[in-house]
Amino acid sequence: MAAIKKKGLQTLMFAEPPFITSSASLVGPKEGEGPWAKDFDRILDDYLFSEKTWEKAESKMLREAIKLSLGKQKLQPQDAELLLAGDLLNQIISSSYAARELNIPFLGLYGACSTMAESLLVGAMAIDGGFYERVVAATSSHHYTAERQFRSPIEQGVQKVPSSQWTATAAAALVVQKAGTGPRISCATVGRVIDMGQTDGANMGGAMAPSAADTIATHLQDTGRSPDYYDLIVTGDLGAVGMGLAGELFVKAGLVPSPNYSDCGVLLYDGLQGVDSGGSGCGCSGCMLAGPLLRKIKNREINRLLFVATGALMSPTSSFQGESIPGIAHAVAIENM
């Protein structure tokens, strides 16, 4: 009988840690103005990407990121055994239509902005379980599609508040394989839904911060690792407001000493004006991982990364009904081994 690979309450320890063999990231014009422009594979000239609508542009971005991640290994879409992807739009249409065009067997996932970690976690399980040898984990978001669906169309010119976040226009894809070269996914922690009763849709970081703290605490307890085991623990995408709250929760629990904690929503637009509290959207943490963070791991500037993508599991319908905003966070440990 095979040994149980779950450790503690929620953490999966992979017997044969899968490799992240390549990655790709496409970002919009504003993301290209930030400090990480050289780490992204492509910066779009405009938000339509030669399409008629922003929604079609987002799906195209995702499709191109997937093709580019495979192309770096001289692979074609048909060489991928499984695509795991999701996005923010109703019925994850960006991912579904990208999968339609690529003709890859597809499992659609919805974890809101935690989808990058969720897809990596599921992909690692599928490979370590012996079901697949090569999968693609991917996600996307688009500033204008998210504004149209979740808030107010840009054309209305609604005034933002300081706790608001800028949904990233970005797509990311990672190729995960049983064999190859690159960093490995050593373990992962499946998050719980945490809801502290926050109802302010303009403060998503505050709604997600408790789930980030809960998942990180559980991960460290399950694995027996200390916070300084990791060179960097990065959440995404709490933004400045959510990161500040998470920092308070970390200090209260004695979790993460300051130098080795950051947040993708803060990092992506670091120093840019007009993004209020920082970045959000599935593509925010996705492009930071597929671009700058994996490059730092490849260059061995970081050898042990705990990637903790966070998501607000709400919808326009739940908001109209006065529901609070549940948060989720999944943690994926990526290591040079």
C-alpha atoms as a PDB file:
ATOM      1  CA  MET A   1       0.000   0.000   0.000  1.00  0.00           C
ATOM      2  CA  ALA A   2       1.405   3.401  -0.986  1.00  0.00           C
ATOM      3  CA  ALA A   3       2.405   5.764   1.807  1.00  0.00           C
ATOM      4  CA  ILE A   4       0.046   8.621   2.555  1.00  0.00           C
ATOM      5  CA  LYS A   5       1.550  11.819   1.166  1.00  0.00           C
ATOM      6  CA  LYS A   6      -0.532  14.220   3.238  1.00  0.00           C
ATOM      7  CA  LYS A   7       1.220  15.685   6.243  1.00  0.00           C
ATOM      8  CA  GLY A   8      -0.656  17.349   9.050  1.00  0.00           C
ATOM      9  CA  LEU A   9      -4.010  18.924   8.305  1.00  0.00           C
ATOM     10  CA  GLN A  10      -3.712  20.295   4.802  1.00  0.00           C
ATOM     11  CA  THR A  11      -0.234  19.835   3.315  1.00  0.00           C
ATOM     12  CA  LEU A  12       0.809  17.488   0.513  1.00  0.00           C
ATOM     13  CA  MET A  13       4.407  16.246   0.438  1.00  0.00           C
ATOM     14  CA  PHE A  14       5.424  15.098  -3.024  1.00  0.00           C
ATOM     15  CA  ALA A  15       7.438  11.874  -3.126  1.00  0.00           C
ATOM     16  CA  GLU A  16       8.916  12.794  -6.510  1.00  0.00           C
ATOM     17  CA  PRO A  17       8.727  16.586  -6.630  1.00  0.00           C
ATOM     18  CA  PRO A  18       7.745  17.720 -10.145  1.00  0.00           C
ATOM     19  CA  PHE A  19       9.932  20.126 -12.101  1.00  0.00           C
ATOM     20  CA  ILE A  20       8.892  23.547 -13.357  1.00  0.00           C
ATOM     21  CA  THR A  21      10.739  23.300 -16.647  1.00  0.00           C
ATOM     22  CA  SER A  22       9.667  26.548 -18.324  1.00  0.00           C
ATOM     23  CA  SER A  23       7.363  29.516 -17.901  1.00  0.00           C
ATOM     24  CA  ALA A  24       6.040  32.480 -19.848  1.00  0.00           C
ATOM     25  CA  SER A  25       4.370  35.774 -19.012  1.00  0.00           C
ATOM     26  CA  LEU A  26       2.571  38.423 -21.073  1.00  0.00           C
ATOM     27  CA  VAL A  27       1.614  41.734 -19.513  1.00  0.00           C
ATOM     28  CA  GLY A  28      -0.214  44.908 -20.461  1.00  0.00           C
ATOM     29  CA  PRO A  29       1.232  48.384 -21.037  1.00  0.00           C
ATOM     30  CA  LYS A  30       0.904  49.538 -17.420  1.00  0.00           C
ATOM     31  CA  GLU A  31       2.553  46.397 -16.054  1.00  0.00           C
ATOM     32  CA  GLY A  32       5.386  47.011 -18.497  1.00  0.00           C
ATOM     33  CA  GLU A  33       5.990  50.404 -16.884  1.00  0.00           C
ATOM     34  CA  GLY A  34       6.812  48.779 -13.544  1.00  0.00           C
ATOM     35  CA  PRO A  35      10.200  47.678 -12.239  1.00  0.00           C
ATOM     36  CA  TRP A  36      10.078  44.149 -13.724  1.00  0.00           C
ATOM     37  CA  ALA A  37       9.659  44.910 -17.427  1.00  0.00           C
ATOM     38  CA  LYS A  38      12.823  43.032 -18.442  1.00  0.00           C
ATOM     39  CA  ASP A  39      11.575  39.874 -16.695  1.00  0.00           C
ATOM     40  CA  PHE A  40       8.367  39.524 -18.727  1.00  0.00           C
ATOM     41  CA  ASP A  41       8.380  37.744 -22.067  1.00  0.00           C
ATOM     42  CA  ARG A  42       6.110  40.215 -23.811  1.00  0.00           C
ATOM     43  CA  ILE A  43       4.637  43.633 -23.053  1.00  0.00           C
ATOM     44  CA  LEU A  44       1.545  44.499 -25.076  1.00  0.00           C
ATOM     45  CA  ASP A  45       1.333  47.801 -26.917  1.00  0.00           C
ATOM     46  CA  ASP A  46      -2.352  48.173 -26.064  1.00  0.00           C
ATOM     47  CA  TYR A  47      -5.129  46.434 -24.164  1.00  0.00           C
ATOM     48  CA  LEU A  48      -6.984  44.998 -27.176  1.00  0.00           C
ATOM     49  CA  PHE A  49      -4.098  42.864 -28.503  1.00  0.00           C
ATOM     50  CA  SER A  50      -5.524  43.149 -32.061  1.00  0.00           C
ATOM     51  CA  GLU A  51      -8.911  41.809 -30.893  1.00  0.00           C
ATOM     52  CA  LYS A  52     -12.357  43.453 -30.961  1.00  0.00           C
ATOM     53  CA  THR A  53     -13.035  43.204 -27.221  1.00  0.00           C
ATOM     54  CA  TRP A  54     -11.060  43.138 -24.000  1.00  0.00           C
ATOM     55  CA  GLU A  55     -12.468  39.690 -23.184  1.00  0.00           C
ATOM     56  CA  LYS A  56     -11.189  38.271 -26.463  1.00  0.00           C
ATOM     57  CA  ALA A  57      -7.841  39.951 -25.804  1.00  0.00           C
ATOM     58  CA  GLU A  58      -7.545  38.281 -22.406  1.00  0.00           C
ATOM     59  CA  SER A  59      -8.191  34.825 -23.840  1.00  0.00           C
ATOM     60  CA  LYS A  60      -5.634  35.480 -26.574  1.00  0.00           C
ATOM     61  CA  MET A  61      -3.066  36.544 -23.980  1.00  0.00           C
ATOM     62  CA  LEU A  62      -3.569  33.307 -22.090  1.00  0.00           C
ATOM     63  CA  ARG A  63      -3.370  31.236 -25.246  1.00  0.00           C
ATOM     64  CA  GLU A  64      -0.140  32.918 -26.301  1.00  0.00           C
ATOM     65  CA  ALA A  65       1.423  32.497 -22.855  1.00  0.00           C
ATOM     66  CA  ILE A  66       0.690  28.779 -22.937  1.00  0.00           C
ATOM     67  CA  LYS A  67       2.167  28.404 -26.422  1.00  0.00           C
ATOM     68  CA  LEU A  68       5.234  30.420 -25.453  1.00  0.00           C
ATOM     69  CA  SER A  69       5.888  28.388 -22.294  1.00  0.00           C
ATOM     70  CA  LEU A  70       5.802  25.180 -24.330  1.00  0.00           C
ATOM     71  CA  GLY A  71       7.771  26.713 -27.193  1.00  0.00           C
ATOM     72  CA  LYS A  72      10.702  27.428 -24.897  1.00  0.00           C
ATOM     73  CA  GLN A  73      11.212  23.647 -24.851  1.00  0.00           C
ATOM     74  CA  LYS A  74      10.464  23.305 -28.567  1.00  0.00           C
ATOM     75  CA  LEU A  75       7.114  21.740 -27.701  1.00  0.00           C
ATOM     76  CA  GLN A  76       3.736  22.190 -29.365  1.00  0.00           C
ATOM     77  CA  PRO A  77       0.333  22.382 -27.625  1.00  0.00           C
ATOM     78  CA  GLN A  78      -0.335  18.746 -28.558  1.00  0.00           C
ATOM     79  CA  ASP A  79       2.698  17.786 -26.452  1.00  0.00           C
ATOM     80  CA  ALA A  80       0.892  18.903 -23.296  1.00  0.00           C
ATOM     81  CA  GLU A  81      -1.160  16.129 -21.697  1.00  0.00           C
ATOM     82  CA  LEU A  82      -3.310  18.435 -19.570  1.00  0.00           C
ATOM     83  CA  LEU A  83      -4.087  22.137 -19.224  1.00  0.00           C
ATOM     84  CA  LEU A  84      -5.089  23.442 -15.800  1.00  0.00           C
ATOM     85  CA  ALA A  85      -6.279  27.026 -15.997  1.00  0.00           C
ATOM     86  CA  GLY A  86      -8.776  29.542 -14.704  1.00  0.00           C
ATOM     87  CA  ASP A  87      -9.535  33.249 -14.661  1.00  0.00           C
ATOM     88  CA  LEU A  88     -11.962  35.784 -13.187  1.00  0.00           C
ATOM     89  CA  LEU A  89     -14.627  35.981 -15.872  1.00  0.00           C
ATOM     90  CA  ASN A  90     -18.019  34.267 -15.687  1.00  0.00           C
ATOM     91  CA  GLN A  91     -17.628  30.542 -16.346  1.00  0.00           C
ATOM     92  CA  ILE A  92     -13.833  31.107 -16.752  1.00  0.00           C
ATOM     93  CA  ILE A  93     -14.346  31.988 -20.404  1.00  0.00           C
ATOM     94  CA  SER A  94     -10.795  33.213 -20.987  1.00  0.00           C
ATOM     95  CA  SER A  95      -9.422  29.792 -20.105  1.00  0.00           C
ATOM     96  CA  SER A  96     -12.168  27.783 -21.755  1.00  0.00           C
ATOM     97  CA  TYR A  97     -11.825  29.539 -25.088  1.00  0.00           C
ATOM     98  CA  ALA A  98      -8.034  29.328 -24.949  1.00  0.00           C
ATOM     99  CA  ALA A  99      -8.370  25.578 -24.369  1.00  0.00           C
ATOM    100  CA  ARG A 100     -10.778  25.372 -27.307  1.00  0.00           C
ATOM    101  CA  GLU A 101      -8.197  26.889 -29.619  1.00  0.00           C
ATOM    102  CA  LEU A 102      -5.260  24.882 -28.290  1.00  0.00           C
ATOM    103  CA  ASN A 103      -7.116  21.546 -28.233  1.00  0.00           C
ATOM    104  CA  ILE A 104      -5.402  20.398 -25.025  1.00  0.00           C
ATOM    105  CA  PRO A 105      -7.302  18.207 -22.530  1.00  0.00           C
ATOM    106  CA  PHE A 106      -8.583  20.746 -20.039  1.00  0.00           C
ATOM    107  CA  LEU A 107      -9.595  21.054 -16.415  1.00  0.00           C
ATOM    108  CA  GLY A 108     -10.969  24.489 -15.633  1.00  0.00           C
ATOM    109  CA  LEU A 109     -10.307  25.832 -12.148  1.00  0.00           C
ATOM    110  CA  TYR A 110     -11.697  28.771 -10.229  1.00  0.00           C
ATOM    111  CA  GLY A 111      -9.817  30.092  -7.241  1.00  0.00           C
ATOM    112  CA  ALA A 112     -10.206  33.786  -8.080  1.00  0.00           C
ATOM    113  CA  CYS A 113      -6.769  35.381  -7.696  1.00  0.00           C
ATOM    114  CA  SER A 114      -5.417  32.211  -6.034  1.00  0.00           C
ATOM    115  CA  THR A 115      -5.762  30.282  -9.318  1.00  0.00           C
ATOM    116  CA  MET A 116      -2.042  30.248 -10.174  1.00  0.00           C
ATOM    117  CA  ALA A 117      -1.227  28.417  -6.938  1.00  0.00           C
ATOM    118  CA  GLU A 118      -4.275  26.176  -7.276  1.00  0.00           C
ATOM    119  CA  SER A 119      -3.343  25.092 -10.802  1.00  0.00           C
ATOM    120  CA  LEU A 120       0.263  24.378  -9.767  1.00  0.00           C
ATOM    121  CA  LEU A 121      -0.932  22.410  -6.744  1.00  0.00           C
ATOM    122  CA  VAL A 122      -3.336  20.273  -8.779  1.00  0.00           C
ATOM    123  CA  GLY A 123      -0.736  19.799 -11.513  1.00  0.00           C
ATOM    124  CA  ALA A 124       1.887  18.639  -9.038  1.00  0.00           C
ATOM    125  CA  MET A 125      -0.599  16.167  -7.550  1.00  0.00           C
ATOM    126  CA  ALA A 126      -1.421  14.806 -11.001  1.00  0.00           C
ATOM    127  CA  ILE A 127       2.242  14.259 -11.843  1.00  0.00           C
ATOM    128  CA  ASP A 128       3.377  12.927  -8.470  1.00  0.00           C
ATOM    129  CA  GLY A 129       0.362  10.617  -8.529  1.00  0.00           C
ATOM    130  CA  GLY A 130       1.632   9.073 -11.759  1.00  0.00           C
ATOM    131  CA  PHE A 131      -1.291  10.176 -13.924  1.00  0.00           C
ATOM    132  CA  TYR A 132       0.595  12.600 -16.181  1.00  0.00           C
ATOM    133  CA  GLU A 133       4.155  13.438 -17.158  1.00  0.00           C
ATOM    134  CA  ARG A 134       3.643  16.969 -18.509  1.00  0.00           C
ATOM    135  CA  VAL A 135       0.960  19.515 -17.614  1.00  0.00           C
ATOM    136  CA  VAL A 136       0.561  23.255 -18.083  1.00  0.00           C
ATOM    137  CA  ALA A 137      -0.658  25.439 -15.222  1.00  0.00           C
ATOM    138  CA  ALA A 138      -1.932  28.835 -16.362  1.00  0.00           C
ATOM    139  CA  THR A 139      -4.074  31.850 -15.525  1.00  0.00           C
ATOM    140  CA  SER A 140      -4.949  35.351 -16.704  1.00  0.00           C
ATOM    141  CA  SER A 141      -6.709  38.592 -15.864  1.00  0.00           C
ATOM    142  CA  HIS A 142      -7.380  41.880 -17.637  1.00  0.00           C
ATOM    143  CA  HIS A 143      -7.947  45.256 -16.044  1.00  0.00           C
ATOM    144  CA  TYR A 144     -10.866  46.255 -18.231  1.00  0.00           C
ATOM    145  CA  THR A 145     -12.683  42.907 -18.232  1.00  0.00           C
ATOM    146  CA  ALA A 146     -12.540  42.714 -14.439  1.00  0.00           C
ATOM    147  CA  GLU A 147     -13.721  46.296 -13.986  1.00  0.00           C
ATOM    148  CA  ARG A 148     -16.646  45.668 -16.323  1.00  0.00           C
ATOM    149  CA  GLN A 149     -17.702  42.489 -14.497  1.00  0.00           C
ATOM    150  CA  PHE A 150     -17.004  43.195 -10.837  1.00  0.00           C
ATOM    151  CA  ARG A 151     -17.119  46.951 -10.431  1.00  0.00           C
ATOM    152  CA  SER A 152     -18.060  49.770 -12.814  1.00  0.00           C
ATOM    153  CA  PRO A 153     -17.085  50.094 -16.471  1.00  0.00           C
ATOM    154  CA  ILE A 154     -14.113  52.408 -16.873  1.00  0.00           C
ATOM    155  CA  GLU A 155     -16.200  54.755 -19.015  1.00  0.00           C
ATOM    156  CA  GLN A 156     -18.245  55.734 -15.938  1.00  0.00           C
ATOM    157  CA  GLY A 157     -15.191  57.278 -14.292  1.00  0.00           C
ATOM    158  CA  VAL A 158     -16.094  56.062 -10.783  1.00  0.00           C
ATOM    159  CA  GLN A 159     -13.805  57.524  -8.110  1.00  0.00           C
ATOM    160  CA  LYS A 160     -11.514  54.946  -6.482  1.00  0.00           C
ATOM    161  CA  VAL A 161     -10.626  54.795  -2.795  1.00  0.00           C
ATOM    162  CA  PRO A 162      -7.071  54.244  -1.442  1.00  0.00           C
ATOM    163  CA  SER A 163      -7.755  50.607  -0.543  1.00  0.00           C
ATOM    164  CA  SER A 164      -8.764  49.773  -4.142  1.00  0.00           C
ATOM    165  CA  GLN A 165      -6.444  47.656  -6.262  1.00  0.00           C
ATOM    166  CA  TRP A 166      -5.592  47.710  -9.969  1.00  0.00           C
ATOM    167  CA  THR A 167      -6.480  44.445 -11.684  1.00  0.00           C
ATOM    168  CA  ALA A 168      -3.401  43.353 -13.613  1.00  0.00           C
ATOM    169  CA  THR A 169      -3.552  42.800 -17.346  1.00  0.00           C
ATOM    170  CA  ALA A 170      -1.384  39.697 -17.466  1.00  0.00           C
ATOM    171  CA  ALA A 171      -1.268  36.032 -18.407  1.00  0.00           C
ATOM    172  CA  ALA A 172       1.107  33.376 -17.147  1.00  0.00           C
ATOM    173  CA  ALA A 173       1.801  29.732 -17.924  1.00  0.00           C
ATOM    174  CA  LEU A 174       4.158  27.206 -16.357  1.00  0.00           C
ATOM    175  CA  VAL A 175       5.111  23.798 -17.729  1.00  0.00           C
ATOM    176  CA  VAL A 176       5.293  21.201 -14.946  1.00  0.00           C
ATOM    177  CA  GLN A 177       6.920  17.842 -15.697  1.00  0.00           C
ATOM    178  CA  LYS A 178       7.865  14.592 -14.057  1.00  0.00           C
ATOM    179  CA  ALA A 179      11.416  14.860 -15.415  1.00  0.00           C
ATOM    180  CA  GLY A 180      13.566  17.730 -16.604  1.00  0.00           C
ATOM    181  CA  THR A 181      15.585  20.590 -15.214  1.00  0.00           C
ATOM    182  CA  GLY A 182      14.517  23.533 -13.116  1.00  0.00           C
ATOM    183  CA  PRO A 183      13.145  24.196  -9.639  1.00  0.00           C
ATOM    184  CA  ARG A 184      10.842  21.605  -8.116  1.00  0.00           C
ATOM    185  CA  ILE A 185       7.512  21.757  -6.311  1.00  0.00           C
ATOM    186  CA  SER A 186       8.386  20.052  -3.040  1.00  0.00           C
ATOM    187  CA  CYS A 187       5.061  20.411  -1.230  1.00  0.00           C
ATOM    188  CA  ALA A 188       1.844  22.405  -1.205  1.00  0.00           C
ATOM    189  CA  THR A 189      -0.808  23.418   1.302  1.00  0.00           C
ATOM    190  CA  VAL A 190      -4.489  23.533   0.381  1.00  0.00           C
ATOM    191  CA  GLY A 191      -6.141  26.538   1.982  1.00  0.00           C
ATOM    192  CA  ARG A 192      -9.380  26.860   3.908  1.00  0.00           C
ATOM    193  CA  VAL A 193     -12.069  29.418   3.167  1.00  0.00           C
ATOM    194  CA  ILE A 194     -11.774  32.162   5.775  1.00  0.00           C
ATOM    195  CA  ASP A 195     -14.484  34.808   6.068  1.00  0.00           C
ATOM    196  CA  MET A 196     -14.189  37.534   8.693  1.00  0.00           C
ATOM    197  CA  GLY A 197     -17.369  39.280   7.581  1.00  0.00           C
ATOM    198  CA  GLN A 198     -15.717  41.964   5.435  1.00  0.00           C
ATOM    199  CA  THR A 199     -18.149  43.316   2.837  1.00  0.00           C
ATOM    200  CA  ASP A 200     -16.205  46.195   1.276  1.00  0.00           C
ATOM    201  CA  GLY A 201     -15.476  45.258  -2.334  1.00  0.00           C
ATOM    202  CA  ALA A 202     -12.995  48.125  -2.482  1.00  0.00           C
ATOM    203  CA  ASN A 203     -10.819  46.430   0.142  1.00  0.00           C
ATOM    204  CA  MET A 204     -10.155  42.984  -1.278  1.00  0.00           C
ATOM    205  CA  GLY A 205      -6.723  42.801   0.337  1.00  0.00           C
ATOM    206  CA  GLY A 206      -8.281  43.140   3.773  1.00  0.00           C
ATOM    207  CA  ALA A 207     -10.735  40.338   2.969  1.00  0.00           C
ATOM    208  CA  MET A 208      -7.961  37.973   1.819  1.00  0.00           C
ATOM    209  CA  ALA A 209      -5.276  38.695   4.418  1.00  0.00           C
ATOM    210  CA  PRO A 210      -6.683  36.370   7.134  1.00  0.00           C
ATOM    211  CA  SER A 211      -6.675  33.419   4.718  1.00  0.00           C
ATOM    212  CA  ALA A 212      -3.042  34.118   3.807  1.00  0.00           C
ATOM    213  CA  ALA A 213      -2.035  34.129   7.459  1.00  0.00           C
ATOM    214  CA  ASP A 214      -4.023  30.958   8.134  1.00  0.00           C
ATOM    215  CA  THR A 215      -2.503  29.032   5.211  1.00  0.00           C
ATOM    216  CA  ILE A 216       1.062  30.076   6.017  1.00  0.00           C
ATOM    217  CA  ALA A 217       0.625  29.149   9.685  1.00  0.00           C
ATOM    218  CA  THR A 218      -0.835  25.768   8.698  1.00  0.00           C
ATOM    219  CA  HIS A 219       1.932  25.132   6.165  1.00  0.00           C
ATOM    220  CA  LEU A 220       4.681  25.782   8.718  1.00  0.00           C
ATOM    221  CA  GLN A 221       2.934  23.695  11.361  1.00  0.00           C
ATOM    222  CA  ASP A 222       2.284  20.777   8.999  1.00  0.00           C
ATOM    223  CA  THR A 223       5.828  20.719   7.611  1.00  0.00           C
ATOM    224  CA  GLY A 224       7.647  21.548  10.828  1.00  0.00           C
ATOM    225  CA  ARG A 225       9.521  24.285   8.976  1.00  0.00           C
ATOM    226  CA  SER A 226      10.428  27.602  10.546  1.00  0.00           C
ATOM    227  CA  PRO A 227       9.587  30.845   8.737  1.00  0.00           C
ATOM    228  CA  ASP A 228      13.242  31.439   7.861  1.00  0.00           C
ATOM    229  CA  TYR A 229      13.420  28.102   6.006  1.00  0.00           C
ATOM    230  CA  TYR A 230      12.293  30.095   2.965  1.00  0.00           C
ATOM    231  CA  ASP A 231      14.351  32.795   1.312  1.00  0.00           C
ATOM    232  CA  LEU A 232      11.075  34.479   0.432  1.00  0.00           C
ATOM    233  CA  ILE A 233       7.444  34.017   1.384  1.00  0.00           C
ATOM    234  CA  VAL A 234       5.325  35.948  -1.098  1.00  0.00           C
ATOM    235  CA  THR A 235       1.573  36.408  -0.990  1.00  0.00           C
ATOM    236  CA  GLY A 236      -0.472  37.615  -3.901  1.00  0.00           C
ATOM    237  CA  ASP A 237      -2.227  39.811  -4.214  1.00  0.00           C
ATOM    238  CA  LEU A 238      -3.044  41.593  -1.019  1.00  0.00           C
ATOM    239  CA  GLY A 239      -1.759  45.005  -2.035  1.00  0.00           C
ATOM    240  CA  ALA A 240      -0.394  47.487   0.474  1.00  0.00           C
ATOM    241  CA  VAL A 241      -3.493  47.553   2.692  1.00  0.00           C
ATOM    242  CA  GLY A 242      -3.868  43.773   2.829  1.00  0.00           C
ATOM    243  CA  MET A 243      -0.134  43.257   3.216  1.00  0.00           C
ATOM    244  CA  GLY A 244      -0.116  45.575   6.199  1.00  0.00           C
ATOM    245  CA  LEU A 245      -2.938  43.618   7.825  1.00  0.00           C
ATOM    246  CA  ALA A 246      -1.260  40.303   7.021  1.00  0.00           C
ATOM    247  CA  GLY A 247       1.968  41.592   8.551  1.00  0.00           C
ATOM    248  CA  GLU A 248       0.139  42.341  11.784  1.00  0.00           C
ATOM    249  CA  LEU A 249      -1.368  38.858  11.805  1.00  0.00           C
ATOM    250  CA  PHE A 250       2.058  37.321  11.111  1.00  0.00           C
ATOM    251  CA  VAL A 251       3.699  39.221  13.961  1.00  0.00           C
ATOM    252  CA  LYS A 252       0.879  38.276  16.311  1.00  0.00           C
ATOM    253  CA  ALA A 253       1.397  34.606  15.467  1.00  0.00           C
ATOM    254  CA  GLY A 254       5.213  34.834  15.314  1.00  0.00           C
ATOM    255  CA  LEU A 255       5.186  33.616  11.721  1.00  0.00           C
ATOM    256  CA  VAL A 256       7.309  35.579   9.291  1.00  0.00           C
ATOM    257  CA  PRO A 257      10.260  37.801  10.143  1.00  0.00           C
ATOM    258  CA  SER A 258      10.109  40.964   8.078  1.00  0.00           C
ATOM    259  CA  PRO A 259      12.939  40.685   5.517  1.00  0.00           C
ATOM    260  CA  ASN A 260      11.649  37.536   3.838  1.00  0.00           C
ATOM    261  CA  TYR A 261       8.010  38.467   3.282  1.00  0.00           C
ATOM    262  CA  SER A 262       6.506  40.420   0.385  1.00  0.00           C
ATOM    263  CA  ASP A 263       3.373  40.564  -1.770  1.00  0.00           C
ATOM    264  CA  CYS A 264       2.964  40.334  -5.542  1.00  0.00           C
ATOM    265  CA  GLY A 265       0.352  43.084  -5.560  1.00  0.00           C
ATOM    266  CA  VAL A 266       2.871  45.473  -4.041  1.00  0.00           C
ATOM    267  CA  LEU A 267       5.860  44.281  -6.074  1.00  0.00           C
ATOM    268  CA  LEU A 268       4.267  44.380  -9.534  1.00  0.00           C
ATOM    269  CA  TYR A 269       3.630  48.136  -9.576  1.00  0.00           C
ATOM    270  CA  ASP A 270       6.262  49.200  -7.054  1.00  0.00           C
ATOM    271  CA  GLY A 271       6.747  52.946  -7.428  1.00  0.00           C
ATOM    272  CA  LEU A 272       3.995  53.502 -10.012  1.00  0.00           C
ATOM    273  CA  GLN A 273       1.254  56.060  -9.455  1.00  0.00           C
ATOM    274  CA  GLY A 274      -2.454  55.470  -9.990  1.00  0.00           C
ATOM    275  CA  VAL A 275      -2.737  51.905  -8.707  1.00  0.00           C
ATOM    276  CA  ASP A 276      -3.967  52.842  -5.227  1.00  0.00           C
ATOM    277  CA  SER A 277      -3.189  49.919  -2.888  1.00  0.00           C
ATOM    278  CA  GLY A 278      -1.419  47.875  -5.590  1.00  0.00           C
ATOM    279  CA  GLY A 279      -2.180  45.041  -7.968  1.00  0.00           C
ATOM    280  CA  SER A 280      -4.794  42.291  -8.017  1.00  0.00           C
ATOM    281  CA  GLY A 281      -6.221  39.743 -10.442  1.00  0.00           C
ATOM    282  CA  CYS A 282      -5.164  36.184 -11.283  1.00  0.00           C
ATOM    283  CA  GLY A 283      -2.463  37.490 -13.594  1.00  0.00           C
ATOM    284  CA  CYS A 284      -0.843  39.609 -10.879  1.00  0.00           C
ATOM    285  CA  SER A 285       0.758  36.806  -8.864  1.00  0.00           C
ATOM    286  CA  GLY A 286       0.858  34.654 -12.008  1.00  0.00           C
ATOM    287  CA  CYS A 287       3.099  36.977 -13.999  1.00  0.00           C
ATOM    288  CA  MET A 288       5.282  37.757 -10.983  1.00  0.00           C
ATOM    289  CA  LEU A 289       5.909  34.038 -10.477  1.00  0.00           C
ATOM    290  CA  ALA A 290       6.356  33.145 -14.154  1.00  0.00           C
ATOM    291  CA  GLY A 291       8.629  36.146 -14.718  1.00  0.00           C
ATOM    292  CA  PRO A 292      10.696  37.792 -11.964  1.00  0.00           C
ATOM    293  CA  LEU A 293      10.409  35.183  -9.206  1.00  0.00           C
ATOM    294  CA  LEU A 294      11.299  32.140 -11.301  1.00  0.00           C
ATOM    295  CA  ARG A 295      14.141  34.099 -12.865  1.00  0.00           C
ATOM    296  CA  LYS A 296      15.521  34.792  -9.406  1.00  0.00           C
ATOM    297  CA  ILE A 297      15.222  31.093  -8.587  1.00  0.00           C
ATOM    298  CA  LYS A 298      16.969  30.160 -11.828  1.00  0.00           C
ATOM    299  CA  ASN A 299      19.799  32.582 -10.988  1.00  0.00           C
ATOM    300  CA  ARG A 300      19.875  31.176  -7.436  1.00  0.00           C
ATOM    301  CA  GLU A 301      19.154  34.537  -5.889  1.00  0.00           C
ATOM    302  CA  ILE A 302      16.271  32.654  -4.267  1.00  0.00           C
ATOM    303  CA  ASN A 303      16.528  28.922  -3.570  1.00  0.00           C
ATOM    304  CA  ARG A 304      13.415  28.341  -1.481  1.00  0.00           C
ATOM    305  CA  LEU A 305      10.193  30.191  -2.291  1.00  0.00           C
ATOM    306  CA  LEU A 306       6.798  29.799  -0.649  1.00  0.00           C
ATOM    307  CA  PHE A 307       4.284  31.126  -3.159  1.00  0.00           C
ATOM    308  CA  VAL A 308       0.965  31.880  -1.458  1.00  0.00           C
ATOM    309  CA  ALA A 309      -1.614  33.109  -3.961  1.00  0.00           C
ATOM    310  CA  THR A 310      -4.767  34.575  -2.426  1.00  0.00           C
ATOM    311  CA  GLY A 311      -8.283  34.867  -3.786  1.00  0.00           C
ATOM    312  CA  ALA A 312     -11.546  36.610  -2.900  1.00  0.00           C
ATOM    313  CA  LEU A 313     -14.311  34.088  -3.588  1.00  0.00           C
ATOM    314  CA  MET A 314     -17.105  36.523  -4.322  1.00  0.00           C
ATOM    315  CA  SER A 315     -19.158  37.435  -7.369  1.00  0.00           C
ATOM    316  CA  PRO A 316     -21.372  40.328  -8.462  1.00  0.00           C
ATOM    317  CA  THR A 317     -24.390  38.214  -7.487  1.00  0.00           C
ATOM    318  CA  SER A 318     -23.128  37.598  -3.950  1.00  0.00           C
ATOM    319  CA  SER A 319     -22.305  41.277  -3.541  1.00  0.00           C
ATOM    320  CA  PHE A 320     -25.788  42.304  -4.687  1.00  0.00           C
ATOM    321  CA  GLN A 321     -27.221  39.959  -2.051  1.00  0.00           C
ATOM    322  CA  GLY A 322     -25.188  41.595   0.714  1.00  0.00           C
ATOM    323  CA  GLU A 323     -22.887  38.622   1.250  1.00  0.00           C
ATOM    324  CA  SER A 324     -19.484  39.044   2.871  1.00  0.00           C
ATOM    325  CA  ILE A 325     -16.263  38.217   0.990  1.00  0.00           C
ATOM    326  CA  PRO A 326     -14.720  34.784   1.680  1.00  0.00           C
ATOM    327  CA  GLY A 327     -10.963  34.513   1.228  1.00  0.00           C
ATOM    328  CA  ILE A 328      -8.788  31.580   0.206  1.00  0.00           C
ATOM    329  CA  ALA A 329      -5.023  31.081  -0.043  1.00  0.00           C
ATOM    330  CA  HIS A 330      -3.038  28.115  -1.351  1.00  0.00           C
ATOM    331  CA  ALA A 331       0.692  27.709  -0.722  1.00  0.00           C
ATOM    332  CA  VAL A 332       3.169  26.079  -3.104  1.00  0.00           C
ATOM    333  CA  ALA A 333       6.796  25.476  -2.078  1.00  0.00           C
ATOM    334  CA  ILE A 334       9.190  25.873  -5.021  1.00  0.00           C
ATOM    335  CA  GLU A 335      12.812  24.911  -4.386  1.00  0.00           C
ATOM    336  CA  ASN A 336      16.149  24.407  -6.055  1.00  0.00           C
ATOM    337  CA  MET A 337      16.873  20.820  -5.028  1.00  0.00           C
END
